[in-house]
Amino acid sequence: MSELPPTEPTVFLVDDDDAVRDALATLLGTVDLRVREYGDPLTFLAQLDREAIGCLILDVRMPHVSGLHLQEQLTREGVDLPVIVMTGHGDIDVCRRAFKAGAVEFLTKPVDELALLEATGLGIRTHLARRSRQAAAREAREALAGLSAREREVLRLIVDGASNKQAARTLGISARTVETHRASILGKLGVASLAQLVRVYLASVGDSAGASAGEGP
């Protein structure tokens, strides 16, 4: 099977039941979703591109490595693929464990086709949005890295709502100097307004803040 570009949304389907995999792959194909099938979690782990975008549909009961163990391992490794867990033997403890590990949805077999398609679509949209935020955060951090130490101090005060005079008093410099730093900051970041400036700053901290707060998919 040829490798797919990492930016091409792809549904990764991991289930040891050949018939189930074939049926679900056919269903997903009816809505033009790209699908990669795996009969066991170890093969999936060995072949997964960590930068891939898409969604993972995962059976719970499989030999060697259970679906829940795979989900938890992916979380430990920082793989952010949204996960849909499905099982023919579900109970409340399994469901709770799956959601605690960040599952998008928990489905019981035989899987409701509409529910699966809706969950898959949600997972892909969520992943695309998350990657977009991550890219914006990286770009913002790179832009902020070009500021001097003093400019970063001025920026933090501006974002906190301080006026030029208030920032000047806090830093022990003149308001004219603050204005000069402010103009330099706008130029270096390529923005023309305070609103755009705040947006760039918040983007630079938003992704890491969301991760530290345990942001869901």
C-alpha atoms as a PDB file:
ATOM      1  CA  MET A   1       0.000   0.000   0.000  1.00  0.00           C
ATOM      2  CA  SER A   2       1.425   3.375  -0.989  1.00  0.00           C
ATOM      3  CA  GLU A   3       2.130   5.945   1.708  1.00  0.00           C
ATOM      4  CA  LEU A   4      -0.374   8.775   1.994  1.00  0.00           C
ATOM      5  CA  PRO A   5       0.720  12.378   2.540  1.00  0.00           C
ATOM      6  CA  PRO A   6       0.674  13.218   6.260  1.00  0.00           C
ATOM      7  CA  THR A   7      -1.661  16.157   5.617  1.00  0.00           C
ATOM      8  CA  GLU A   8      -4.263  13.977   3.844  1.00  0.00           C
ATOM      9  CA  PRO A   9      -7.041  13.201   6.349  1.00  0.00           C
ATOM     10  CA  THR A  10      -7.055   9.453   6.824  1.00  0.00           C
ATOM     11  CA  VAL A  11      -9.141   7.069   8.894  1.00  0.00           C
ATOM     12  CA  PHE A  12      -7.013   4.421  10.595  1.00  0.00           C
ATOM     13  CA  LEU A  13      -9.040   1.293  11.296  1.00  0.00           C
ATOM     14  CA  VAL A  14      -7.619  -1.252  13.765  1.00  0.00           C
ATOM     15  CA  ASP A  15      -9.635  -4.440  14.307  1.00  0.00           C
ATOM     16  CA  ASP A  16      -8.563  -8.087  14.279  1.00  0.00           C
ATOM     17  CA  ASP A  17     -11.859  -9.154  12.651  1.00  0.00           C
ATOM     18  CA  ASP A  18     -11.362  -9.136   8.872  1.00  0.00           C
ATOM     19  CA  ALA A  19     -15.089  -9.013   8.138  1.00  0.00           C
ATOM     20  CA  VAL A  20     -15.640  -6.037  10.418  1.00  0.00           C
ATOM     21  CA  ARG A  21     -12.699  -4.168   8.901  1.00  0.00           C
ATOM     22  CA  ASP A  22     -13.925  -4.795   5.372  1.00  0.00           C
ATOM     23  CA  ALA A  23     -17.463  -3.687   6.190  1.00  0.00           C
ATOM     24  CA  LEU A  24     -16.378  -0.511   7.961  1.00  0.00           C
ATOM     25  CA  ALA A  25     -13.840   0.359   5.270  1.00  0.00           C
ATOM     26  CA  THR A  26     -16.563   0.016   2.650  1.00  0.00           C
ATOM     27  CA  LEU A  27     -18.905   2.212   4.686  1.00  0.00           C
ATOM     28  CA  LEU A  28     -16.281   4.925   5.156  1.00  0.00           C
ATOM     29  CA  GLY A  29     -15.448   4.760   1.465  1.00  0.00           C
ATOM     30  CA  THR A  30     -19.030   5.664   0.574  1.00  0.00           C
ATOM     31  CA  VAL A  31     -18.358   9.164   1.948  1.00  0.00           C
ATOM     32  CA  ASP A  32     -14.977   9.390   0.195  1.00  0.00           C
ATOM     33  CA  LEU A  33     -12.841   8.904   3.304  1.00  0.00           C
ATOM     34  CA  ARG A  34      -9.379   7.428   2.920  1.00  0.00           C
ATOM     35  CA  VAL A  35      -8.983   4.327   5.059  1.00  0.00           C
ATOM     36  CA  ARG A  36      -5.948   2.352   6.178  1.00  0.00           C
ATOM     37  CA  GLU A  37      -6.691  -1.022   7.734  1.00  0.00           C
ATOM     38  CA  TYR A  38      -4.700  -2.908  10.357  1.00  0.00           C
ATOM     39  CA  GLY A  39      -5.370  -6.347  11.813  1.00  0.00           C
ATOM     40  CA  ASP A  40      -3.429  -5.737  14.993  1.00  0.00           C
ATOM     41  CA  PRO A  41      -2.244  -2.785  17.102  1.00  0.00           C
ATOM     42  CA  LEU A  42       1.466  -3.610  16.825  1.00  0.00           C
ATOM     43  CA  THR A  43       1.435  -3.323  13.039  1.00  0.00           C
ATOM     44  CA  PHE A  44      -0.438  -0.044  13.308  1.00  0.00           C
ATOM     45  CA  LEU A  45       2.123   1.332  15.781  1.00  0.00           C
ATOM     46  CA  ALA A  46       5.026   0.245  13.607  1.00  0.00           C
ATOM     47  CA  GLN A  47       3.642   1.939  10.492  1.00  0.00           C
ATOM     48  CA  LEU A  48       1.988   5.047  11.941  1.00  0.00           C
ATOM     49  CA  ASP A  49       3.252   8.429  10.816  1.00  0.00           C
ATOM     50  CA  ARG A  50       2.990  10.515  13.994  1.00  0.00           C
ATOM     51  CA  GLU A  51       2.296  13.623  11.903  1.00  0.00           C
ATOM     52  CA  ALA A  52      -0.689  12.056  10.130  1.00  0.00           C
ATOM     53  CA  ILE A  53      -4.034  13.843  10.249  1.00  0.00           C
ATOM     54  CA  GLY A  54      -7.284  11.984  10.601  1.00  0.00           C
ATOM     55  CA  CYS A  55      -9.033   9.703  13.056  1.00  0.00           C
ATOM     56  CA  LEU A  56      -8.451   6.279  14.639  1.00  0.00           C
ATOM     57  CA  ILE A  57     -11.235   3.694  14.909  1.00  0.00           C
ATOM     58  CA  LEU A  58     -10.165   1.103  17.421  1.00  0.00           C
ATOM     59  CA  ASP A  59     -11.585  -2.216  18.618  1.00  0.00           C
ATOM     60  CA  VAL A  60     -11.219  -2.964  22.330  1.00  0.00           C
ATOM     61  CA  ARG A  61     -10.623  -6.717  22.358  1.00  0.00           C
ATOM     62  CA  MET A  62      -7.626  -7.758  20.278  1.00  0.00           C
ATOM     63  CA  PRO A  63      -4.814 -10.256  20.896  1.00  0.00           C
ATOM     64  CA  HIS A  64      -1.472  -9.161  22.367  1.00  0.00           C
ATOM     65  CA  VAL A  65      -2.405  -5.488  22.855  1.00  0.00           C
ATOM     66  CA  SER A  66      -5.941  -4.382  23.703  1.00  0.00           C
ATOM     67  CA  GLY A  67      -7.478  -1.344  22.083  1.00  0.00           C
ATOM     68  CA  LEU A  68      -7.525   0.523  25.390  1.00  0.00           C
ATOM     69  CA  HIS A  69      -3.844  -0.192  26.000  1.00  0.00           C
ATOM     70  CA  LEU A  70      -3.071   1.078  22.497  1.00  0.00           C
ATOM     71  CA  GLN A  71      -5.103   4.238  23.131  1.00  0.00           C
ATOM     72  CA  GLU A  72      -3.254   4.888  26.391  1.00  0.00           C
ATOM     73  CA  GLN A  73       0.123   4.254  24.752  1.00  0.00           C
ATOM     74  CA  LEU A  74      -0.636   6.726  21.983  1.00  0.00           C
ATOM     75  CA  THR A  75      -1.520   9.314  24.620  1.00  0.00           C
ATOM     76  CA  ARG A  76       1.773   8.702  26.442  1.00  0.00           C
ATOM     77  CA  GLU A  77       3.665   9.121  23.178  1.00  0.00           C
ATOM     78  CA  GLY A  78       1.909  12.400  22.428  1.00  0.00           C
ATOM     79  CA  VAL A  79       0.049  11.086  19.365  1.00  0.00           C
ATOM     80  CA  ASP A  80      -3.008  13.318  19.057  1.00  0.00           C
ATOM     81  CA  LEU A  81      -5.200  11.303  16.674  1.00  0.00           C
ATOM     82  CA  PRO A  82      -8.820  11.468  17.842  1.00  0.00           C
ATOM     83  CA  VAL A  83      -9.945   7.965  18.813  1.00  0.00           C
ATOM     84  CA  ILE A  84     -13.291   6.213  18.357  1.00  0.00           C
ATOM     85  CA  VAL A  85     -13.498   3.083  20.499  1.00  0.00           C
ATOM     86  CA  MET A  86     -15.806   0.223  19.546  1.00  0.00           C
ATOM     87  CA  THR A  87     -16.501  -3.118  21.191  1.00  0.00           C
ATOM     88  CA  GLY A  88     -18.906  -6.012  21.208  1.00  0.00           C
ATOM     89  CA  HIS A  89     -18.400  -6.544  24.936  1.00  0.00           C
ATOM     90  CA  GLY A  90     -18.657  -3.049  26.376  1.00  0.00           C
ATOM     91  CA  ASP A  91     -19.411  -2.228  29.968  1.00  0.00           C
ATOM     92  CA  ILE A  92     -19.460   0.987  31.950  1.00  0.00           C
ATOM     93  CA  ASP A  93     -15.876   0.574  33.223  1.00  0.00           C
ATOM     94  CA  VAL A  94     -14.500   0.088  29.719  1.00  0.00           C
ATOM     95  CA  CYS A  95     -16.500   3.076  28.489  1.00  0.00           C
ATOM     96  CA  ARG A  96     -15.283   5.263  31.353  1.00  0.00           C
ATOM     97  CA  ARG A  97     -11.663   4.248  30.736  1.00  0.00           C
ATOM     98  CA  ALA A  98     -11.928   5.035  27.031  1.00  0.00           C
ATOM     99  CA  PHE A  99     -13.381   8.501  27.609  1.00  0.00           C
ATOM    100  CA  LYS A 100     -10.863   9.199  30.375  1.00  0.00           C
ATOM    101  CA  ALA A 101      -8.127   8.545  27.821  1.00  0.00           C
ATOM    102  CA  GLY A 102      -9.754  11.080  25.478  1.00  0.00           C
ATOM    103  CA  ALA A 103     -11.968   9.015  23.179  1.00  0.00           C
ATOM    104  CA  VAL A 104     -14.230  10.980  20.837  1.00  0.00           C
ATOM    105  CA  GLU A 105     -16.927   8.312  20.945  1.00  0.00           C
ATOM    106  CA  PHE A 106     -17.591   4.835  22.344  1.00  0.00           C
ATOM    107  CA  LEU A 107     -19.669   2.556  20.105  1.00  0.00           C
ATOM    108  CA  THR A 108     -20.948  -0.970  20.628  1.00  0.00           C
ATOM    109  CA  LYS A 109     -21.060  -3.614  17.910  1.00  0.00           C
ATOM    110  CA  PRO A 110     -22.892  -4.015  15.677  1.00  0.00           C
ATOM    111  CA  VAL A 111     -21.966  -0.394  15.080  1.00  0.00           C
ATOM    112  CA  ASP A 112     -24.650   2.056  14.055  1.00  0.00           C
ATOM    113  CA  GLU A 113     -23.470   3.275  10.653  1.00  0.00           C
ATOM    114  CA  LEU A 114     -24.735   6.842  10.996  1.00  0.00           C
ATOM    115  CA  ALA A 115     -23.233   7.172  14.477  1.00  0.00           C
ATOM    116  CA  LEU A 116     -19.873   5.965  13.202  1.00  0.00           C
ATOM    117  CA  LEU A 117     -19.869   8.350  10.249  1.00  0.00           C
ATOM    118  CA  GLU A 118     -20.835  11.275  12.466  1.00  0.00           C
ATOM    119  CA  ALA A 119     -18.149  10.431  15.029  1.00  0.00           C
ATOM    120  CA  THR A 120     -15.534   9.996  12.314  1.00  0.00           C
ATOM    121  CA  GLY A 121     -16.403  13.330  10.752  1.00  0.00           C
ATOM    122  CA  LEU A 122     -16.209  15.012  14.152  1.00  0.00           C
ATOM    123  CA  GLY A 123     -12.849  13.390  14.863  1.00  0.00           C
ATOM    124  CA  ILE A 124     -11.339  14.563  11.577  1.00  0.00           C
ATOM    125  CA  ARG A 125     -12.688  18.115  11.933  1.00  0.00           C
ATOM    126  CA  THR A 126     -11.372  18.253  15.493  1.00  0.00           C
ATOM    127  CA  HIS A 127      -7.934  17.071  14.419  1.00  0.00           C
ATOM    128  CA  LEU A 128      -7.722  19.536  11.541  1.00  0.00           C
ATOM    129  CA  ALA A 129      -8.693  22.397  13.876  1.00  0.00           C
ATOM    130  CA  ARG A 130      -6.166  21.291  16.487  1.00  0.00           C
ATOM    131  CA  ARG A 131      -3.353  21.082  13.956  1.00  0.00           C
ATOM    132  CA  SER A 132      -4.303  24.509  12.622  1.00  0.00           C
ATOM    133  CA  ARG A 133      -4.049  25.951  16.144  1.00  0.00           C
ATOM    134  CA  GLN A 134      -0.706  24.236  16.651  1.00  0.00           C
ATOM    135  CA  ALA A 135       0.645  25.684  13.397  1.00  0.00           C
ATOM    136  CA  ALA A 136      -0.559  29.170  14.352  1.00  0.00           C
ATOM    137  CA  ALA A 137       1.064  28.786  17.771  1.00  0.00           C
ATOM    138  CA  ARG A 138       4.405  27.779  16.239  1.00  0.00           C
ATOM    139  CA  GLU A 139       4.336  30.712  13.839  1.00  0.00           C
ATOM    140  CA  ALA A 140       3.474  33.118  16.645  1.00  0.00           C
ATOM    141  CA  ARG A 141       6.246  31.796  18.902  1.00  0.00           C
ATOM    142  CA  GLU A 142       8.749  32.124  16.062  1.00  0.00           C
ATOM    143  CA  ALA A 143       7.659  35.721  15.504  1.00  0.00           C
ATOM    144  CA  LEU A 144       7.863  36.571  19.223  1.00  0.00           C
ATOM    145  CA  ALA A 145      11.324  35.036  19.414  1.00  0.00           C
ATOM    146  CA  GLY A 146      12.551  37.952  17.286  1.00  0.00           C
ATOM    147  CA  LEU A 147      11.645  40.501  19.956  1.00  0.00           C
ATOM    148  CA  SER A 148      14.211  41.886  22.354  1.00  0.00           C
ATOM    149  CA  ALA A 149      13.893  41.234  26.097  1.00  0.00           C
ATOM    150  CA  ARG A 150      12.575  44.768  26.660  1.00  0.00           C
ATOM    151  CA  GLU A 151      10.091  44.449  23.819  1.00  0.00           C
ATOM    152  CA  ARG A 152       8.751  41.236  25.348  1.00  0.00           C
ATOM    153  CA  GLU A 153       8.272  43.070  28.662  1.00  0.00           C
ATOM    154  CA  VAL A 154       6.390  45.854  26.905  1.00  0.00           C
ATOM    155  CA  LEU A 155       4.321  43.315  24.988  1.00  0.00           C
ATOM    156  CA  ARG A 156       3.223  41.482  28.144  1.00  0.00           C
ATOM    157  CA  LEU A 157       2.143  44.746  29.745  1.00  0.00           C
ATOM    158  CA  ILE A 158       0.240  45.825  26.617  1.00  0.00           C
ATOM    159  CA  VAL A 159      -1.543  42.494  26.445  1.00  0.00           C
ATOM    160  CA  ASP A 160      -2.454  42.852  30.123  1.00  0.00           C
ATOM    161  CA  GLY A 161      -4.175  46.130  29.259  1.00  0.00           C
ATOM    162  CA  ALA A 162      -1.576  48.640  30.423  1.00  0.00           C
ATOM    163  CA  SER A 163      -1.466  52.036  28.730  1.00  0.00           C
ATOM    164  CA  ASN A 164       1.829  53.456  27.464  1.00  0.00           C
ATOM    165  CA  LYS A 165       2.099  55.593  30.621  1.00  0.00           C
ATOM    166  CA  GLN A 166       1.324  52.658  32.920  1.00  0.00           C
ATOM    167  CA  ALA A 167       3.855  50.456  31.136  1.00  0.00           C
ATOM    168  CA  ALA A 168       6.418  53.247  31.355  1.00  0.00           C
ATOM    169  CA  ARG A 169       5.939  53.579  35.122  1.00  0.00           C
ATOM    170  CA  THR A 170       6.176  49.808  35.608  1.00  0.00           C
ATOM    171  CA  LEU A 171       9.385  49.538  33.594  1.00  0.00           C
ATOM    172  CA  GLY A 172      10.930  52.797  34.755  1.00  0.00           C
ATOM    173  CA  ILE A 173      11.225  54.210  31.254  1.00  0.00           C
ATOM    174  CA  SER A 174       9.560  57.077  29.415  1.00  0.00           C
ATOM    175  CA  ALA A 175       6.206  56.811  27.672  1.00  0.00           C
ATOM    176  CA  ARG A 176       7.942  57.870  24.436  1.00  0.00           C
ATOM    177  CA  THR A 177      10.285  54.870  24.782  1.00  0.00           C
ATOM    178  CA  VAL A 178       7.309  52.581  25.314  1.00  0.00           C
ATOM    179  CA  GLU A 179       5.728  54.013  22.143  1.00  0.00           C
ATOM    180  CA  THR A 180       8.956  53.306  20.255  1.00  0.00           C
ATOM    181  CA  HIS A 181       9.050  49.717  21.513  1.00  0.00           C
ATOM    182  CA  ARG A 182       5.385  49.294  20.681  1.00  0.00           C
ATOM    183  CA  ALA A 183       5.920  50.442  17.102  1.00  0.00           C
ATOM    184  CA  SER A 184       8.888  48.105  16.782  1.00  0.00           C
ATOM    185  CA  ILE A 185       6.825  45.190  18.102  1.00  0.00           C
ATOM    186  CA  LEU A 186       4.052  45.844  15.598  1.00  0.00           C
ATOM    187  CA  GLY A 187       6.564  45.981  12.773  1.00  0.00           C
ATOM    188  CA  LYS A 188       8.408  42.814  13.768  1.00  0.00           C
ATOM    189  CA  LEU A 189       5.180  40.853  14.165  1.00  0.00           C
ATOM    190  CA  GLY A 190       3.703  42.223  10.958  1.00  0.00           C
ATOM    191  CA  VAL A 191       0.494  43.458  12.575  1.00  0.00           C
ATOM    192  CA  ALA A 192      -1.225  46.830  12.346  1.00  0.00           C
ATOM    193  CA  SER A 193      -3.466  46.992  15.401  1.00  0.00           C
ATOM    194  CA  LEU A 194      -3.616  46.186  19.087  1.00  0.00           C
ATOM    195  CA  ALA A 195      -6.266  43.533  18.421  1.00  0.00           C
ATOM    196  CA  GLN A 196      -3.979  41.733  15.963  1.00  0.00           C
ATOM    197  CA  LEU A 197      -1.091  42.033  18.402  1.00  0.00           C
ATOM    198  CA  VAL A 198      -3.100  40.432  21.199  1.00  0.00           C
ATOM    199  CA  ARG A 199      -4.251  37.696  18.816  1.00  0.00           C
ATOM    200  CA  VAL A 200      -0.659  36.778  17.942  1.00  0.00           C
ATOM    201  CA  TYR A 201       0.366  36.765  21.587  1.00  0.00           C
ATOM    202  CA  LEU A 202      -2.550  34.578  22.643  1.00  0.00           C
ATOM    203  CA  ALA A 203      -1.858  32.196  19.756  1.00  0.00           C
ATOM    204  CA  SER A 204       1.724  31.794  20.964  1.00  0.00           C
ATOM    205  CA  VAL A 205       0.592  30.580  24.387  1.00  0.00           C
ATOM    206  CA  GLY A 206      -2.766  29.050  23.536  1.00  0.00           C
ATOM    207  CA  ASP A 207      -1.570  25.662  22.238  1.00  0.00           C
ATOM    208  CA  SER A 208       0.746  24.920  25.160  1.00  0.00           C
ATOM    209  CA  ALA A 209      -1.822  26.224  27.631  1.00  0.00           C
ATOM    210  CA  GLY A 210      -4.479  23.951  26.164  1.00  0.00           C
ATOM    211  CA  ALA A 211      -2.159  20.945  26.349  1.00  0.00           C
ATOM    212  CA  SER A 212      -1.213  21.616  29.974  1.00  0.00           C
ATOM    213  CA  ALA A 213      -4.873  21.958  30.881  1.00  0.00           C
ATOM    214  CA  GLY A 214      -5.648  18.584  29.320  1.00  0.00           C
ATOM    215  CA  GLU A 215      -7.519  19.880  26.312  1.00  0.00           C
ATOM    216  CA  GLY A 216      -9.798  17.269  24.809  1.00  0.00           C
ATOM    217  CA  PRO A 217     -10.019  16.445  21.158  1.00  0.00           C
END
